[in-house]
Every structure is written in structure tokens, then in C-alpha cells.
Amino acid sequence: MTAFLPLFANNILPILLIAAVGFVIQRIFNLDPRPLSQTVFNVFTPALVFRLLYLTPMNAHQIGQMGILAMASMLLVGAAAWLIARALRLPPRMAAAFLLVSMFPNAGNYGLSLTDFAFGNEALAWSSVFFIVSSMAINSLGVYIATVGRSSPGQALKGLLRVPAVYAIPLGLLFRYAQLELPAPLWRPIELLSDATIPSMIIILGLQISKATFPRENGLLPIALGLRLLFSPAIAFVLVRLMGFQGPALQASLIEAAMPTAVLTSVLALEFDVEPDFVSGTILASTLLSPLTITPLLAILGA
């Protein structure tokens, strides 16, 4: 146990302390996290993705592999959650909420930060692809699930096209493979914006969970937590072995898959009235419990 303490203190505790700042600020000033969240999503994150892909030695095939792994891990967890929801005969809205909290990891606020602290820029580049795919999935498939079948596949596709980081991928790769050098007046703003991404994401995490409470559906909560914190990284472990991932790619894949529930699911739950108390409570519980599962994983991965 004592061997885990430095891993927790050096990699996870800094994230929790910065999130605590957001938590306290929200409690004192009752801030609306949406303006900052929208700025990070639409401005900071595309800059980070562009910078990482422009500078790191990933090729299109590797990016595609990570995208497949990310999507496959979420879909397999979702399939397990759907089978459990059917077996428990959950009402449609609760089943939708259960799928949301089980499927989608907090690959941005928490995952990118932890990958950066624990494994550095090369793993962060792999993590950024996982994050983009998860954002695309939440904004398309997540919206479809949250509407409990009320939206069409076309509407889901529109949600996917609203993810700005999607467009940063081809731009970053184009500039890299064409060996185009950005002039300082353009490159320096990209650096500054990308540097602001991760700390801003952690602050948003604190802001968004500050009003969350534990859900009343205590019997369903442990199942959702098990799927998110245990089953998801186990599925990812099988996938990375099958796909031959090693080094930073393996580290980033398993860390991202082990993340607690994505904060963005609470936005969908509120927007479409899909058991928002259960969703926000699961986000809070999974975030607070995640150090217990992630710290041993960091030890296994050699952080």
C-alpha cells in the first residue's frame, strides 16, 4: 500500500487539488461552468489536439487504431450495460441514464491531465485521440441514447460534426506531413491556448461536480461503478493485447478506459431529462472512487 502513495500523490492528488479549487469557487460564487466549458471545448482543445499531432510521431494508421480501440471499448461496455438494463427491466429513461454513465469516460478533464502527469507528451498524443473519439461518441451516440430513441441518426451525425477537435486532426496531420512550419505569430497563440487546456479542464471538473449528490438508486450505482471503473479497463486490456499496443499507446489506452464517468453526460441528462440526479451522482461517486482503481493501474503501467 505504501508503494501506491507516491503514485497517488504525484499523479492523481494534483488533479484533485485543482478540481477542489473549482469546487470551492463554485460553492462560494455560484459560477455557471458552461461559458468556460464551451471555451475549452471550442477553442483550447482543438489547439491542444493540433499541437500534439503536429509535434508527435504518430501516423494516420496509429491514429486510426486508437480511434477503433476507443470506440470499441465504449461500445462493448455499452453492450454490457444494455444487457444488464434489460435483465433488470429498467424503465427507458433509467436505462438510458445507466448506459450514459457506464459507457462514456472522462477522457478530457481527468484522462488527459493524468496521462500528461504520469507518462508525458507522447502518451498524451495517444490520449488526445481517445478523447476526441469519446467526445464524438458523446455528442452523437450519447445524444441518441439520452433522447431515448426520439432523435434520428441524422441528428446524431450533426452532433458529431459539432466537435471542433475533429477538424484539428486533419489540419495537424496535414501541416506535419507537408512539413509546413507555422510562423511565430500563429504558433505562439496555439501553444498558449493548448497550455491552458488541461488546467482549465480540471477546474471545470470541480465546478461541475460541486452540486452533485449521491443518487437514491443505491442498488444500481455499484453496478454502474463496476462497469465504468473495472469492466471498462479490463475490456481495454483485452483490446490492446489483440491490437498489439505497446509503450505510450498501451499506457494511454488503459488510463483513458479506466476514467470515471464523463462530466458531459450530466449535461445530456439535464438537457433531455434522463434521470439527472442519478447521472450527476454517479459522476461524483466514480470520480471520488477512481483513485482506488487508477493508482494500482499506474503502478502496473510503470508510472
Protein backbone atom coordinates (compact mmCIF):
# COMPACT_ATOMS: atom_id res chain seq x y z
CA MET A 1 0.00 0.00 0.00
CA THR A 2 2.79 2.46 0.86
CA ALA A 3 4.20 1.96 -2.65
CA PHE A 4 0.95 3.37 -4.05
CA LEU A 5 1.12 6.59 -2.03
CA PRO A 6 3.79 8.33 -4.17
CA LEU A 7 1.88 7.39 -7.33
CA PHE A 8 -1.29 8.88 -5.91
CA ALA A 9 0.46 11.97 -4.54
CA ASN A 10 2.42 12.73 -7.70
CA ASN A 11 -0.18 11.96 -10.36
CA ILE A 12 -3.74 11.97 -9.00
CA LEU A 13 -3.62 14.31 -6.00
CA PRO A 14 -2.58 17.34 -8.10
CA ILE A 15 -5.66 16.82 -10.27
CA LEU A 16 -7.93 16.52 -7.25
CA LEU A 17 -6.43 19.65 -5.66
CA ILE A 18 -7.00 21.74 -8.79
CA ALA A 19 -10.53 20.30 -9.08
CA ALA A 20 -11.06 21.26 -5.43
CA VAL A 21 -10.31 24.88 -6.38
CA GLY A 22 -13.13 24.73 -8.93
CA PHE A 23 -15.36 23.03 -6.36
CA VAL A 24 -14.77 25.77 -3.76
CA ILE A 25 -15.13 28.60 -6.26
CA GLN A 26 -18.47 27.18 -7.39
CA ARG A 27 -19.72 26.89 -3.81
CA ILE A 28 -18.68 30.48 -2.99
CA PHE A 29 -19.59 32.35 -6.19
CA ASN A 30 -22.19 30.01 -7.74
CA LEU A 31 -20.50 30.25 -11.13
CA ASP A 32 -22.01 28.87 -14.31
CA PRO A 33 -19.44 26.41 -15.71
CA ARG A 34 -20.88 26.49 -19.22
CA PRO A 35 -19.01 29.54 -20.61
CA LEU A 36 -15.63 28.15 -19.54
CA SER A 37 -16.60 24.65 -20.66
CA GLN A 38 -17.67 25.93 -24.09
CA THR A 39 -14.43 27.91 -24.44
CA VAL A 40 -12.32 24.87 -23.59
CA PHE A 41 -14.32 22.63 -25.89
CA ASN A 42 -14.38 25.01 -28.87
CA VAL A 43 -11.03 26.81 -28.57
CA PHE A 44 -8.49 25.31 -26.16
CA THR A 45 -9.00 21.64 -27.01
CA PRO A 46 -8.64 22.00 -30.81
CA ALA A 47 -5.41 23.94 -30.20
CA LEU A 48 -4.09 21.14 -27.96
CA VAL A 49 -5.01 18.43 -30.46
CA PHE A 50 -3.44 20.34 -33.36
CA ARG A 51 -0.24 20.92 -31.40
CA LEU A 52 0.09 17.31 -30.24
CA LEU A 53 -0.48 15.85 -33.69
CA TYR A 54 1.79 18.42 -35.32
CA LEU A 55 4.70 17.62 -33.00
CA THR A 56 4.43 13.91 -32.18
CA PRO A 57 5.47 10.94 -34.36
CA MET A 58 2.03 9.30 -34.74
CA ASN A 59 0.93 8.33 -38.24
CA ALA A 60 -2.56 8.04 -39.69
CA HIS A 61 -2.63 4.27 -39.17
CA GLN A 62 -1.83 4.64 -35.47
CA ILE A 63 -4.46 7.33 -35.06
CA GLY A 64 -6.99 5.02 -36.70
CA GLN A 65 -6.01 2.16 -34.40
CA MET A 66 -6.51 4.29 -31.31
CA GLY A 67 -9.83 5.52 -32.64
CA ILE A 68 -11.00 1.94 -33.19
CA LEU A 69 -9.88 0.90 -29.72
CA ALA A 70 -11.60 3.85 -28.05
CA MET A 71 -14.87 3.27 -29.88
CA ALA A 72 -14.76 -0.50 -29.38
CA SER A 73 -14.16 -0.19 -25.64
CA MET A 74 -17.12 2.19 -25.23
CA LEU A 75 -19.43 0.06 -27.36
CA LEU A 76 -18.54 -3.15 -25.51
CA VAL A 77 -19.17 -1.51 -22.15
CA GLY A 78 -22.41 -0.13 -23.56
CA ALA A 79 -23.46 -3.58 -24.74
CA ALA A 80 -22.87 -4.98 -21.24
CA ALA A 81 -24.84 -2.11 -19.71
CA TRP A 82 -27.69 -2.68 -22.16
CA LEU A 83 -27.87 -6.39 -21.30
CA ILE A 84 -27.93 -5.58 -17.58
CA ALA A 85 -30.62 -2.93 -18.11
CA ARG A 86 -32.72 -5.48 -20.00
CA ALA A 87 -32.19 -8.12 -17.32
CA LEU A 88 -33.21 -5.66 -14.56
CA ARG A 89 -36.14 -4.40 -16.67
CA LEU A 90 -35.16 -0.77 -16.11
CA PRO A 91 -37.59 1.89 -17.34
CA PRO A 92 -36.45 3.53 -20.61
CA ARG A 93 -35.16 6.75 -19.04
CA MET A 94 -33.27 4.96 -16.29
CA ALA A 95 -31.85 2.51 -18.82
CA ALA A 96 -30.65 5.44 -20.92
CA ALA A 97 -29.04 7.07 -17.87
CA PHE A 98 -27.40 3.78 -16.93
CA LEU A 99 -25.91 3.44 -20.41
CA LEU A 100 -24.61 7.02 -20.36
CA VAL A 101 -22.79 6.73 -17.03
CA SER A 102 -21.36 3.31 -17.88
CA MET A 103 -20.19 3.92 -21.45
CA PHE A 104 -18.51 7.29 -21.52
CA PRO A 105 -15.25 8.01 -19.65
CA ASN A 106 -13.98 11.38 -18.50
CA ALA A 107 -11.25 11.25 -21.13
CA GLY A 108 -10.71 15.01 -21.16
CA ASN A 109 -10.87 16.71 -17.76
CA TYR A 110 -9.32 13.78 -15.92
CA GLY A 111 -7.81 11.47 -18.54
CA LEU A 112 -5.66 13.97 -20.43
CA SER A 113 -4.44 15.50 -17.17
CA LEU A 114 -3.45 12.19 -15.64
CA THR A 115 -1.78 10.93 -18.81
CA ASP A 116 0.25 14.12 -19.02
CA PHE A 117 1.39 13.91 -15.39
CA ALA A 118 2.14 10.20 -15.39
CA PHE A 119 3.52 9.46 -18.87
CA GLY A 120 4.35 12.69 -20.72
CA ASN A 121 3.73 14.13 -24.17
CA GLU A 122 3.97 11.00 -26.32
CA ALA A 123 1.29 9.21 -24.32
CA LEU A 124 -0.68 12.47 -24.21
CA ALA A 125 -0.85 12.47 -28.01
CA TRP A 126 -2.39 8.99 -27.97
CA SER A 127 -4.73 10.09 -25.18
CA SER A 128 -5.87 13.08 -27.19
CA VAL A 129 -7.11 10.77 -29.97
CA PHE A 130 -9.03 8.71 -27.41
CA PHE A 131 -10.50 11.93 -26.04
CA ILE A 132 -11.57 13.15 -29.48
CA VAL A 133 -13.29 9.85 -30.26
CA SER A 134 -15.05 9.85 -26.89
CA SER A 135 -16.20 13.45 -27.48
CA MET A 136 -17.52 12.48 -30.89
CA ALA A 137 -19.30 9.48 -29.37
CA ILE A 138 -20.93 11.50 -26.58
CA ASN A 139 -22.07 14.19 -28.99
CA SER A 140 -23.60 11.66 -31.38
CA LEU A 141 -24.35 8.28 -29.81
CA GLY A 142 -24.71 9.85 -26.36
CA VAL A 143 -27.32 12.30 -27.63
CA TYR A 144 -29.15 9.43 -29.34
CA ILE A 145 -29.20 7.42 -26.09
CA ALA A 146 -30.25 10.41 -23.99
CA THR A 147 -33.25 11.11 -26.20
CA VAL A 148 -34.42 7.50 -25.64
CA GLY A 149 -34.91 6.99 -29.36
CA ARG A 150 -36.50 10.39 -30.05
CA SER A 151 -33.62 11.59 -32.26
CA SER A 152 -32.67 10.25 -35.68
CA PRO A 153 -29.26 9.01 -36.83
CA GLY A 154 -29.03 12.18 -38.90
CA GLN A 155 -29.39 14.32 -35.79
CA ALA A 156 -26.74 12.22 -34.09
CA LEU A 157 -24.39 12.86 -37.02
CA LYS A 158 -24.96 16.60 -36.66
CA GLY A 159 -23.84 16.28 -33.05
CA LEU A 160 -20.62 14.62 -34.20
CA LEU A 161 -19.92 17.42 -36.66
CA ARG A 162 -20.18 19.95 -33.83
CA VAL A 163 -16.97 18.64 -32.20
CA PRO A 164 -14.30 21.21 -33.19
CA ALA A 165 -11.39 18.93 -32.27
CA VAL A 166 -12.46 16.63 -35.13
CA TYR A 167 -11.25 19.24 -37.61
CA ALA A 168 -7.96 19.74 -35.76
CA ILE A 169 -6.90 16.16 -36.61
CA PRO A 170 -6.59 16.53 -40.41
CA LEU A 171 -5.13 20.02 -40.01
CA GLY A 172 -2.46 18.84 -37.59
CA LEU A 173 -1.58 15.87 -39.80
CA LEU A 174 -1.58 17.98 -42.97
CA PHE A 175 0.82 20.54 -41.54
CA ARG A 176 3.04 17.80 -40.14
CA TYR A 177 3.30 15.59 -43.21
CA ALA A 178 3.64 18.57 -45.55
CA GLN A 179 6.38 19.86 -43.22
CA LEU A 180 4.72 23.26 -43.10
CA GLU A 181 6.27 25.49 -40.48
CA LEU A 182 3.92 27.90 -38.78
CA PRO A 183 5.23 31.44 -38.27
CA ALA A 184 5.68 32.56 -34.67
CA PRO A 185 2.62 34.89 -34.65
CA LEU A 186 0.43 31.83 -35.37
CA TRP A 187 2.33 29.13 -33.48
CA ARG A 188 2.63 31.01 -30.18
CA PRO A 189 -1.14 31.51 -29.73
CA ILE A 190 -1.61 27.78 -30.41
CA GLU A 191 0.98 26.99 -27.73
CA LEU A 192 -0.63 29.33 -25.21
CA LEU A 193 -4.14 28.01 -25.86
CA SER A 194 -3.04 24.38 -25.70
CA ASP A 195 -1.15 25.01 -22.44
CA ALA A 196 -4.37 26.36 -20.94
CA THR A 197 -6.43 23.31 -21.87
CA ILE A 198 -5.59 20.82 -19.15
CA PRO A 199 -5.73 23.12 -16.10
CA SER A 200 -8.99 24.61 -17.39
CA MET A 201 -10.45 21.12 -17.83
CA ILE A 202 -9.63 20.23 -14.23
CA ILE A 203 -11.19 23.45 -12.92
CA ILE A 204 -14.33 22.63 -14.92
CA LEU A 205 -14.40 19.18 -13.34
CA GLY A 206 -14.54 20.79 -9.90
CA LEU A 207 -17.16 23.31 -10.99
CA GLN A 208 -19.41 20.65 -12.46
CA ILE A 209 -19.34 18.14 -9.62
CA SER A 210 -19.75 20.75 -6.88
CA LYS A 211 -23.54 20.46 -6.90
CA ALA A 212 -23.73 16.72 -7.47
CA THR A 213 -25.24 14.46 -4.82
CA PHE A 214 -25.20 10.71 -4.44
CA PRO A 215 -28.15 9.09 -6.25
CA ARG A 216 -31.03 7.47 -4.43
CA GLU A 217 -30.79 4.38 -6.67
CA ASN A 218 -28.08 2.87 -4.47
CA GLY A 219 -28.63 -0.64 -5.83
CA LEU A 220 -27.89 0.40 -9.39
CA LEU A 221 -24.97 2.65 -8.51
CA PRO A 222 -22.45 -0.12 -7.66
CA ILE A 223 -23.18 -1.85 -10.97
CA ALA A 224 -22.57 1.37 -12.91
CA LEU A 225 -19.37 1.98 -10.96
CA GLY A 226 -18.19 -1.57 -11.63
CA LEU A 227 -18.78 -1.20 -15.35
CA ARG A 228 -17.04 2.16 -15.53
CA LEU A 229 -14.06 1.66 -13.21
CA LEU A 230 -13.37 -2.08 -13.53
CA PHE A 231 -15.01 -3.63 -16.58
CA SER A 232 -14.00 -0.83 -18.96
CA PRO A 233 -10.22 -1.05 -18.32
CA ALA A 234 -10.48 -4.85 -18.39
CA ILE A 235 -12.06 -4.67 -21.85
CA ALA A 236 -9.39 -2.19 -22.95
CA PHE A 237 -6.67 -4.55 -21.72
CA VAL A 238 -8.00 -7.31 -23.96
CA LEU A 239 -8.23 -4.92 -26.90
CA VAL A 240 -4.68 -3.56 -26.53
CA ARG A 241 -3.36 -7.11 -26.43
CA LEU A 242 -5.30 -8.04 -29.56
CA MET A 243 -4.16 -4.89 -31.37
CA GLY A 244 -0.54 -5.15 -30.26
CA PHE A 245 -0.33 -1.80 -28.49
CA GLN A 246 2.85 -1.16 -26.52
CA GLY A 247 4.55 1.65 -24.62
CA PRO A 248 2.80 5.04 -24.58
CA ALA A 249 -0.11 3.75 -26.70
CA LEU A 250 -0.85 0.99 -24.20
CA GLN A 251 -0.47 3.35 -21.24
CA ALA A 252 -2.79 5.97 -22.72
CA SER A 253 -5.41 3.40 -23.76
CA LEU A 254 -5.71 1.77 -20.36
CA ILE A 255 -5.65 5.03 -18.40
CA GLU A 256 -8.37 6.58 -20.56
CA ALA A 257 -10.55 3.47 -20.37
CA ALA A 258 -10.22 3.48 -16.56
CA MET A 259 -11.54 7.03 -16.17
CA PRO A 260 -14.68 7.78 -14.16
CA THR A 261 -17.92 8.84 -15.83
CA ALA A 262 -17.70 11.77 -18.25
CA VAL A 263 -18.98 15.04 -16.83
CA LEU A 264 -20.64 15.84 -20.16
CA THR A 265 -23.18 13.07 -19.51
CA SER A 266 -24.73 15.28 -16.82
CA VAL A 267 -25.32 17.96 -19.45
CA LEU A 268 -27.15 15.44 -21.64
CA ALA A 269 -29.15 14.15 -18.69
CA LEU A 270 -30.31 17.66 -17.79
CA GLU A 271 -30.97 18.64 -21.39
CA PHE A 272 -33.14 15.60 -22.12
CA ASP A 273 -34.45 14.93 -18.58
CA VAL A 274 -32.86 11.48 -18.30
CA GLU A 275 -32.55 10.83 -14.55
CA PRO A 276 -30.17 13.79 -13.98
CA ASP A 277 -29.82 13.09 -10.24
CA PHE A 278 -28.63 9.54 -10.90
CA VAL A 279 -26.22 10.67 -13.61
CA SER A 280 -24.67 13.52 -11.59
CA GLY A 281 -24.44 11.29 -8.52
CA THR A 282 -22.65 8.58 -10.47
CA ILE A 283 -20.20 11.15 -11.82
CA LEU A 284 -19.44 12.25 -8.25
CA ALA A 285 -19.13 8.71 -6.87
CA SER A 286 -16.98 7.43 -9.74
CA THR A 287 -14.67 10.45 -9.52
CA LEU A 288 -14.20 10.09 -5.77
CA LEU A 289 -13.59 6.33 -6.00
CA SER A 290 -11.39 6.42 -9.09
CA PRO A 291 -8.07 6.83 -7.18
CA LEU A 292 -8.67 3.39 -5.64
CA THR A 293 -8.66 1.74 -9.07
CA ILE A 294 -6.39 4.07 -11.03
CA THR A 295 -3.49 4.16 -8.55
CA PRO A 296 -2.84 0.39 -8.82
CA LEU A 297 -3.17 0.69 -12.60
CA LEU A 298 -0.48 3.38 -12.63
CA ALA A 299 1.79 1.01 -10.70
CA ILE A 300 1.17 -1.76 -13.22
CA LEU A 301 1.86 0.58 -16.13
CA GLY A 302 5.13 1.74 -14.63
CA ALA A 303 4.28 5.38 -13.96
